[in-house]
Protein backbone atom coordinates (compact mmCIF):
# COMPACT_ATOMS: atom_id res chain seq x y z
CA MET A 1 0.00 0.00 0.00
CA LYS A 2 1.31 3.43 -0.90
CA ASN A 3 1.89 5.94 1.88
CA GLU A 4 -0.63 8.41 0.45
CA ASP A 5 -3.31 5.66 0.28
CA PHE A 6 -2.56 4.68 3.87
CA ASP A 7 -2.77 8.32 4.99
CA MET A 8 -6.16 8.73 3.28
CA LEU A 9 -7.43 5.55 4.92
CA LEU A 10 -6.18 6.65 8.33
CA SER A 11 -7.80 10.06 7.88
CA SER A 12 -11.11 8.40 6.97
CA ILE A 13 -10.97 6.19 10.06
CA LYS A 14 -10.31 9.20 12.29
CA GLU A 15 -13.17 11.10 10.66
CA ALA A 16 -15.52 8.13 11.23
CA GLY A 17 -14.53 8.12 14.90
CA ASP A 18 -15.24 11.85 15.18
CA ILE A 19 -18.66 11.36 13.57
CA LYS A 20 -19.49 8.47 15.87
CA THR A 21 -18.58 10.41 19.00
CA GLY A 22 -20.48 13.49 17.81
CA LYS A 23 -17.43 15.71 17.34
CA LYS A 24 -18.21 16.04 13.64
CA LYS A 25 -21.41 15.86 11.63
CA PRO A 26 -21.63 13.39 8.72
CA SER A 27 -21.55 14.93 5.25
CA ARG A 28 -24.78 13.12 4.36
CA VAL A 29 -27.49 11.20 6.17
CA PHE A 30 -29.86 8.65 4.69
CA GLU A 31 -33.29 8.37 6.28
CA ILE A 32 -35.72 5.59 5.48
CA GLU A 33 -39.24 6.17 6.72
CA ALA A 34 -40.82 3.11 8.25
CA PRO A 35 -44.08 2.15 6.58
CA GLU A 36 -47.35 1.75 8.46
CA ILE A 37 -46.58 -1.59 10.12
CA LYS A 38 -50.16 -2.62 10.75
CA MET A 39 -50.99 -2.03 7.07
CA VAL A 40 -48.02 -4.17 5.99
CA ARG A 41 -49.09 -6.99 8.32
CA LYS A 42 -52.70 -6.84 7.14
CA THR A 43 -51.56 -6.86 3.49
CA LEU A 44 -49.74 -10.11 4.27
CA SER A 45 -52.90 -11.46 5.99
CA VAL A 46 -51.04 -12.65 9.08
CA SER A 47 -51.67 -12.21 12.80
CA GLN A 48 -49.41 -10.19 15.06
CA SER A 49 -47.81 -13.32 16.47
CA GLU A 50 -47.24 -14.80 12.98
CA PHE A 51 -45.75 -11.58 11.66
CA ALA A 52 -43.54 -11.10 14.72
CA MET A 53 -42.21 -14.63 14.35
CA MET A 54 -41.64 -14.12 10.60
CA ILE A 55 -39.49 -11.02 11.07
CA GLY A 56 -37.76 -12.19 14.25
CA VAL A 57 -39.14 -9.78 16.85
CA SER A 58 -41.29 -10.25 19.91
CA VAL A 59 -45.05 -9.74 19.72
CA ARG A 60 -44.66 -6.93 22.25
CA THR A 61 -42.14 -5.15 20.00
CA LEU A 62 -44.51 -5.46 17.06
CA GLN A 63 -47.39 -4.11 19.17
CA ASN A 64 -45.24 -1.15 20.25
CA TRP A 65 -44.46 -0.41 16.59
CA GLU A 66 -48.08 -0.68 15.53
CA GLN A 67 -49.26 1.58 18.36
CA GLY A 68 -46.55 4.17 17.71
CA ARG A 69 -44.80 3.80 21.07
CA ARG A 70 -41.58 2.69 19.36
CA LYS A 71 -40.19 2.77 15.82
CA PRO A 72 -38.38 0.00 14.00
CA GLU A 73 -34.71 0.56 13.31
CA GLY A 74 -31.99 -0.89 11.12
CA PRO A 75 -32.68 -4.20 9.36
CA ALA A 76 -36.26 -4.40 10.68
CA LYS A 77 -37.05 -1.01 9.16
CA ALA A 78 -35.53 -2.05 5.83
CA LEU A 79 -37.43 -5.35 5.83
CA LEU A 80 -40.70 -3.54 6.54
CA CYS A 81 -40.05 -1.16 3.63
CA ILE A 82 -39.50 -4.14 1.34
CA ALA A 83 -42.63 -5.81 2.69
CA SER A 84 -44.68 -2.70 1.96
CA LYS A 85 -43.51 -2.61 -1.66
CA ASN A 86 -43.49 -6.35 -2.43
CA PRO A 87 -45.49 -8.29 0.18
CA LYS A 88 -45.69 -11.48 -1.89
CA ALA A 89 -41.89 -11.80 -2.08
CA VAL A 90 -41.55 -11.29 1.66
CA LEU A 91 -44.31 -13.77 2.40
CA GLU A 92 -42.71 -16.39 0.13
CA ALA A 93 -39.26 -15.82 1.62
CA LEU A 94 -40.23 -15.69 5.29
CA HIS A 95 -43.38 -17.74 5.76
CA ALA A 96 -42.57 -21.19 7.07
């Protein structure tokens, strides 16, 4: 590895650390809005317990999402977005 490449990599790692600790703001942020969870579940025609089991969360977590007390994050949010756009694919992939 060339010195200049190493220096750029090291600089990027330091910048990532500053962003993570809040010392620096990221240059861009990507936000994915979570879809209406209850609508997604009803589109799939599954109960709360079935849907929770399918996506790997507790029924209580799903209820909190549906009632607006909590919001899905990370992979769950992405999976719910996919489910809202293509419910058949999600049902085929996740329904046991």
